[in-house]
Amino acid sequence: MHGSVLSAVQITATLALVAWMITGFTPLPGRWLRWKMFCRATFTIVQLSGTSKDGRTEPVNIYDHLSPGSFILGPPQLQAILDHLTRSDRYDRIDGHGRVLSADGERSVKVRDGRVVL
């Protein structure tokens, strides 16, 4: 009987731990990033195309300009990278569209002539 009591306590503790871990993913509003570890993170997923001075258009991978291992990119950081790319005369114009994901949910984002528009 002693073994069955211990087993019942272990099962109860395990179920309580699992329930606590599952609820840790769901308390914040929004569709994305409900886990508390990501509740203050903002991710921007964009498709950009840059137009050079001679009129050529090519895709721009904004993540090539982040620090190695970085993947969190909010609108202010995106704007800073766009400013760098246009000031360095690499591109005359950068345009695109995408999504901003945060604990508040999803929003559309557009890039027009090198400016982030939410």
N, C-alpha and C. Protein backbone atom coordinates (compact mmCIF):
# COMPACT_ATOMS: atom_id res chain seq x y z
N MET A 1 0.81 -1.19 0.00
CA MET A 1 0.00 0.00 0.00
C MET A 1 0.86 1.26 0.00
N HIS A 2 2.01 1.19 0.63
CA HIS A 2 2.90 2.34 0.67
C HIS A 2 3.37 2.72 -0.74
N GLY A 3 3.65 1.75 -1.59
CA GLY A 3 4.08 2.01 -2.96
C GLY A 3 2.99 2.66 -3.79
N SER A 4 1.76 2.30 -3.59
CA SER A 4 0.67 2.88 -4.37
C SER A 4 0.40 4.33 -3.97
N VAL A 5 0.61 4.66 -2.68
CA VAL A 5 0.46 6.04 -2.23
C VAL A 5 1.53 6.91 -2.85
N LEU A 6 2.77 6.42 -2.86
CA LEU A 6 3.87 7.15 -3.48
C LEU A 6 3.62 7.33 -4.97
N SER A 7 3.13 6.31 -5.61
CA SER A 7 2.84 6.39 -7.03
C SER A 7 1.73 7.41 -7.29
N ALA A 8 0.71 7.47 -6.47
CA ALA A 8 -0.37 8.44 -6.64
C ALA A 8 0.14 9.87 -6.45
N VAL A 9 1.03 10.06 -5.49
CA VAL A 9 1.62 11.39 -5.25
C VAL A 9 2.48 11.80 -6.45
N GLN A 10 3.25 10.86 -6.99
CA GLN A 10 4.09 11.17 -8.15
C GLN A 10 3.23 11.53 -9.36
N ILE A 11 2.17 10.79 -9.58
CA ILE A 11 1.28 11.07 -10.71
C ILE A 11 0.61 12.43 -10.54
N THR A 12 0.15 12.74 -9.34
CA THR A 12 -0.48 14.03 -9.07
C THR A 12 0.51 15.18 -9.27
N ALA A 13 1.71 15.01 -8.75
CA ALA A 13 2.72 16.06 -8.92
C ALA A 13 3.09 16.23 -10.38
N THR A 14 3.20 15.13 -11.11
CA THR A 14 3.53 15.21 -12.54
C THR A 14 2.42 15.92 -13.30
N LEU A 15 1.18 15.58 -13.05
CA LEU A 15 0.06 16.23 -13.72
C LEU A 15 -0.02 17.72 -13.38
N ALA A 16 0.25 18.06 -12.13
CA ALA A 16 0.25 19.48 -11.74
C ALA A 16 1.36 20.24 -12.47
N LEU A 17 2.53 19.64 -12.56
CA LEU A 17 3.65 20.27 -13.27
C LEU A 17 3.34 20.44 -14.75
N VAL A 18 2.77 19.44 -15.37
CA VAL A 18 2.42 19.52 -16.79
C VAL A 18 1.37 20.61 -17.01
N ALA A 19 0.36 20.67 -16.14
CA ALA A 19 -0.67 21.71 -16.27
C ALA A 19 -0.06 23.10 -16.10
N TRP A 20 0.84 23.26 -15.17
CA TRP A 20 1.50 24.55 -14.95
C TRP A 20 2.33 24.96 -16.17
N MET A 21 3.03 23.99 -16.78
CA MET A 21 3.84 24.29 -17.96
C MET A 21 2.96 24.66 -19.15
N ILE A 22 1.83 23.98 -19.31
CA ILE A 22 0.94 24.29 -20.43
C ILE A 22 0.33 25.67 -20.27
N THR A 23 -0.09 26.03 -19.09
CA THR A 23 -0.69 27.35 -18.89
C THR A 23 0.33 28.47 -19.03
N GLY A 24 1.61 28.17 -18.92
CA GLY A 24 2.64 29.18 -19.12
C GLY A 24 2.70 29.68 -20.55
N PHE A 25 2.14 28.91 -21.49
CA PHE A 25 2.14 29.31 -22.88
C PHE A 25 0.92 30.15 -23.25
N THR A 26 -0.09 30.21 -22.42
CA THR A 26 -1.35 30.79 -22.86
C THR A 26 -1.85 32.03 -22.13
N PRO A 27 -1.23 32.59 -21.08
CA PRO A 27 -1.90 33.67 -20.36
C PRO A 27 -1.91 35.02 -21.06
N LEU A 28 -1.04 35.26 -22.01
CA LEU A 28 -0.97 36.59 -22.62
C LEU A 28 -1.90 36.68 -23.82
N PRO A 29 -2.45 37.85 -24.12
CA PRO A 29 -3.33 38.00 -25.28
C PRO A 29 -2.54 37.91 -26.57
N GLY A 30 -3.24 37.71 -27.65
CA GLY A 30 -2.58 37.66 -28.95
C GLY A 30 -2.41 36.24 -29.42
N ARG A 31 -2.13 36.11 -30.69
CA ARG A 31 -2.02 34.80 -31.29
C ARG A 31 -0.60 34.27 -31.24
N TRP A 32 0.39 35.13 -31.21
CA TRP A 32 1.79 34.72 -31.29
C TRP A 32 2.49 35.02 -29.97
N LEU A 33 3.53 34.29 -29.71
CA LEU A 33 4.46 34.58 -28.63
C LEU A 33 3.80 34.63 -27.26
N ARG A 34 3.00 33.65 -26.94
CA ARG A 34 2.32 33.65 -25.65
C ARG A 34 3.23 33.18 -24.52
N TRP A 35 4.29 32.48 -24.85
CA TRP A 35 5.18 31.99 -23.82
C TRP A 35 5.88 33.17 -23.17
N LYS A 36 6.00 33.15 -21.86
CA LYS A 36 6.53 34.29 -21.12
C LYS A 36 7.94 34.67 -21.55
N MET A 37 8.70 33.71 -22.05
CA MET A 37 10.05 34.01 -22.48
C MET A 37 10.04 35.01 -23.65
N PHE A 38 9.01 34.96 -24.49
CA PHE A 38 8.94 35.81 -25.67
C PHE A 38 7.96 36.96 -25.54
N CYS A 39 7.40 37.20 -24.36
CA CYS A 39 6.30 38.16 -24.25
C CYS A 39 6.72 39.59 -24.58
N ARG A 40 7.98 39.92 -24.52
CA ARG A 40 8.41 41.28 -24.87
C ARG A 40 9.13 41.35 -26.20
N ALA A 41 9.25 40.24 -26.88
CA ALA A 41 9.95 40.20 -28.17
C ALA A 41 9.00 40.62 -29.29
N THR A 42 9.57 41.24 -30.30
CA THR A 42 8.83 41.62 -31.49
C THR A 42 9.62 41.12 -32.70
N PHE A 43 8.95 40.36 -33.54
CA PHE A 43 9.59 39.79 -34.72
C PHE A 43 8.98 40.44 -35.95
N THR A 44 9.80 40.76 -36.92
CA THR A 44 9.34 41.31 -38.18
C THR A 44 9.77 40.37 -39.29
N ILE A 45 8.82 39.94 -40.06
CA ILE A 45 9.08 39.07 -41.20
C ILE A 45 8.72 39.87 -42.44
N VAL A 46 9.70 40.18 -43.27
CA VAL A 46 9.45 41.03 -44.44
C VAL A 46 10.11 40.46 -45.68
N GLN A 47 9.50 40.81 -46.82
CA GLN A 47 10.09 40.53 -48.12
C GLN A 47 10.39 41.89 -48.74
N LEU A 48 11.65 42.13 -49.01
CA LEU A 48 12.07 43.44 -49.51
C LEU A 48 12.72 43.32 -50.87
N SER A 49 12.58 44.37 -51.65
CA SER A 49 13.33 44.48 -52.90
C SER A 49 13.97 45.85 -52.95
N GLY A 50 15.23 45.86 -53.35
CA GLY A 50 15.97 47.10 -53.44
C GLY A 50 16.22 47.49 -54.88
N THR A 51 16.10 48.77 -55.15
CA THR A 51 16.36 49.30 -56.49
C THR A 51 17.65 50.11 -56.42
N SER A 52 18.60 49.75 -57.26
CA SER A 52 19.89 50.45 -57.27
C SER A 52 19.80 51.71 -58.12
N LYS A 53 20.86 52.50 -58.10
CA LYS A 53 20.89 53.77 -58.85
C LYS A 53 20.67 53.56 -60.35
N ASP A 54 21.15 52.42 -60.86
CA ASP A 54 21.00 52.16 -62.30
C ASP A 54 19.67 51.50 -62.66
N GLY A 55 18.76 51.35 -61.68
CA GLY A 55 17.43 50.84 -61.96
C GLY A 55 17.25 49.34 -61.79
N ARG A 56 18.32 48.63 -61.46
CA ARG A 56 18.20 47.19 -61.24
C ARG A 56 17.48 46.92 -59.92
N THR A 57 16.61 45.90 -59.93
CA THR A 57 15.88 45.52 -58.72
C THR A 57 16.35 44.13 -58.30
N GLU A 58 16.62 43.98 -57.01
CA GLU A 58 17.04 42.69 -56.47
C GLU A 58 16.46 42.49 -55.08
N PRO A 59 16.27 41.23 -54.67
CA PRO A 59 15.76 40.98 -53.32
C PRO A 59 16.78 41.40 -52.26
N VAL A 60 16.28 41.89 -51.14
CA VAL A 60 17.13 42.32 -50.02
C VAL A 60 16.87 41.39 -48.85
N ASN A 61 17.90 40.71 -48.37
CA ASN A 61 17.79 39.87 -47.18
C ASN A 61 18.25 40.70 -45.99
N ILE A 62 17.28 41.20 -45.23
CA ILE A 62 17.57 42.09 -44.11
C ILE A 62 18.35 41.37 -43.01
N TYR A 63 18.18 40.06 -42.93
CA TYR A 63 18.84 39.30 -41.87
C TYR A 63 20.35 39.16 -42.10
N ASP A 64 20.81 39.43 -43.31
CA ASP A 64 22.26 39.46 -43.57
C ASP A 64 22.93 40.61 -42.83
N HIS A 65 22.16 41.59 -42.40
CA HIS A 65 22.71 42.78 -41.77
C HIS A 65 22.54 42.79 -40.25
N LEU A 66 22.06 41.69 -39.70
CA LEU A 66 21.94 41.55 -38.25
C LEU A 66 23.20 40.89 -37.70
N SER A 67 23.41 41.00 -36.41
CA SER A 67 24.52 40.32 -35.75
C SER A 67 24.32 38.81 -35.88
N PRO A 68 25.40 38.06 -35.96
CA PRO A 68 25.27 36.59 -36.04
C PRO A 68 24.47 36.06 -34.86
N GLY A 69 23.50 35.20 -35.15
CA GLY A 69 22.67 34.61 -34.11
C GLY A 69 21.44 35.43 -33.76
N SER A 70 21.34 36.65 -34.28
CA SER A 70 20.17 37.49 -33.98
C SER A 70 19.03 37.11 -34.90
N PHE A 71 17.83 37.12 -34.35
CA PHE A 71 16.66 36.89 -35.16
C PHE A 71 15.50 37.79 -34.75
N ILE A 72 15.65 38.51 -33.65
CA ILE A 72 14.59 39.41 -33.20
C ILE A 72 14.81 40.76 -33.88
N LEU A 73 13.83 41.14 -34.66
CA LEU A 73 13.93 42.37 -35.44
C LEU A 73 12.62 43.13 -35.33
N GLY A 74 12.62 44.22 -34.60
CA GLY A 74 11.44 45.07 -34.48
C GLY A 74 11.47 46.16 -35.53
N PRO A 75 10.36 46.88 -35.69
CA PRO A 75 10.32 47.97 -36.67
C PRO A 75 11.42 49.02 -36.50
N PRO A 76 11.81 49.45 -35.28
CA PRO A 76 12.90 50.43 -35.19
C PRO A 76 14.24 49.89 -35.70
N GLN A 77 14.53 48.63 -35.43
CA GLN A 77 15.77 48.03 -35.92
C GLN A 77 15.72 47.87 -37.44
N LEU A 78 14.55 47.50 -37.95
CA LEU A 78 14.38 47.40 -39.40
C LEU A 78 14.63 48.75 -40.06
N GLN A 79 14.08 49.81 -39.47
CA GLN A 79 14.27 51.16 -40.02
C GLN A 79 15.74 51.55 -40.00
N ALA A 80 16.45 51.22 -38.94
CA ALA A 80 17.88 51.56 -38.86
C ALA A 80 18.68 50.85 -39.96
N ILE A 81 18.36 49.60 -40.23
CA ILE A 81 19.08 48.87 -41.28
C ILE A 81 18.72 49.45 -42.65
N LEU A 82 17.46 49.79 -42.86
CA LEU A 82 17.05 50.41 -44.13
C LEU A 82 17.75 51.74 -44.34
N ASP A 83 17.85 52.54 -43.28
CA ASP A 83 18.57 53.82 -43.38
C ASP A 83 20.02 53.59 -43.75
N HIS A 84 20.66 52.60 -43.15
CA HIS A 84 22.06 52.30 -43.46
C HIS A 84 22.22 51.91 -44.92
N LEU A 85 21.31 51.05 -45.42
CA LEU A 85 21.43 50.57 -46.80
C LEU A 85 21.19 51.69 -47.81
N THR A 86 20.29 52.62 -47.52
CA THR A 86 20.05 53.71 -48.47
C THR A 86 21.11 54.81 -48.35
N ARG A 87 21.63 55.06 -47.14
CA ARG A 87 22.68 56.07 -46.98
C ARG A 87 24.02 55.62 -47.55
N SER A 88 24.25 54.33 -47.55
CA SER A 88 25.51 53.81 -48.07
C SER A 88 25.49 53.72 -49.60
N ASP A 89 24.43 54.20 -50.22
CA ASP A 89 24.25 54.20 -51.67
C ASP A 89 24.22 52.81 -52.27
N ARG A 90 23.97 51.81 -51.45
CA ARG A 90 23.83 50.46 -51.99
C ARG A 90 22.52 50.35 -52.76
N TYR A 91 21.46 50.98 -52.19
CA TYR A 91 20.16 51.00 -52.86
C TYR A 91 19.64 52.43 -52.87
N ASP A 92 19.00 52.77 -53.97
CA ASP A 92 18.35 54.07 -54.08
C ASP A 92 17.00 54.05 -53.41
N ARG A 93 16.36 52.88 -53.44
CA ARG A 93 15.00 52.74 -52.90
C ARG A 93 14.82 51.30 -52.45
N ILE A 94 14.11 51.10 -51.33
CA ILE A 94 13.78 49.77 -50.83
C ILE A 94 12.28 49.73 -50.55
N ASP A 95 11.61 48.71 -51.08
CA ASP A 95 10.17 48.55 -50.89
C ASP A 95 9.88 47.11 -50.49
N GLY A 96 8.75 46.89 -49.84
CA GLY A 96 8.35 45.54 -49.48
C GLY A 96 7.16 45.51 -48.55
N HIS A 97 6.86 44.32 -48.06
CA HIS A 97 5.73 44.12 -47.16
C HIS A 97 6.01 42.92 -46.26
N GLY A 98 5.24 42.83 -45.19
CA GLY A 98 5.41 41.71 -44.27
C GLY A 98 4.49 41.81 -43.08
N ARG A 99 4.90 41.14 -41.99
CA ARG A 99 4.12 41.06 -40.76
C ARG A 99 5.00 41.38 -39.57
N VAL A 100 4.40 42.00 -38.56
CA VAL A 100 5.05 42.21 -37.27
C VAL A 100 4.33 41.32 -36.27
N LEU A 101 5.07 40.46 -35.58
CA LEU A 101 4.51 39.53 -34.61
C LEU A 101 4.98 39.92 -33.22
N SER A 102 4.03 40.08 -32.32
CA SER A 102 4.37 40.41 -30.93
C SER A 102 3.32 39.79 -30.01
N ALA A 103 3.46 40.02 -28.73
CA ALA A 103 2.48 39.49 -27.77
C ALA A 103 1.11 40.11 -27.98
N ASP A 104 1.04 41.26 -28.63
CA ASP A 104 -0.23 41.91 -28.92
C ASP A 104 -0.91 41.35 -30.16
N GLY A 105 -0.26 40.45 -30.88
CA GLY A 105 -0.82 39.84 -32.07
C GLY A 105 -0.03 40.20 -33.32
N GLU A 106 -0.68 40.07 -34.47
CA GLU A 106 -0.06 40.33 -35.77
C GLU A 106 -0.51 41.68 -36.31
N ARG A 107 0.40 42.32 -37.01
CA ARG A 107 0.07 43.55 -37.73
C ARG A 107 0.77 43.52 -39.07
N SER A 108 0.19 44.19 -40.03
CA SER A 108 0.85 44.33 -41.33
C SER A 108 1.90 45.41 -41.25
N VAL A 109 2.94 45.25 -42.03
CA VAL A 109 3.97 46.28 -42.13
C VAL A 109 4.32 46.42 -43.61
N LYS A 110 4.52 47.64 -44.04
CA LYS A 110 4.94 47.91 -45.41
C LYS A 110 6.20 48.76 -45.36
N VAL A 111 7.02 48.60 -46.35
CA VAL A 111 8.20 49.44 -46.51
C VAL A 111 8.02 50.15 -47.84
N ARG A 112 7.95 51.47 -47.77
CA ARG A 112 7.79 52.30 -48.98
C ARG A 112 8.92 53.30 -49.04
N ASP A 113 9.67 53.21 -50.10
CA ASP A 113 10.77 54.14 -50.33
C ASP A 113 11.71 54.20 -49.11
N GLY A 114 11.98 53.04 -48.52
CA GLY A 114 12.92 52.97 -47.40
C GLY A 114 12.36 53.35 -46.05
N ARG A 115 11.05 53.54 -45.94
CA ARG A 115 10.42 53.91 -44.67
C ARG A 115 9.46 52.81 -44.22
N VAL A 116 9.53 52.46 -42.95
CA VAL A 116 8.65 51.44 -42.37
C VAL A 116 7.31 52.10 -42.05
N VAL A 117 6.23 51.50 -42.56
CA VAL A 117 4.88 52.00 -42.34
C VAL A 117 4.07 50.88 -41.69
N LEU A 118 3.62 51.15 -40.47
CA LEU A 118 2.80 50.14 -39.75
C LEU A 118 1.34 50.32 -40.03
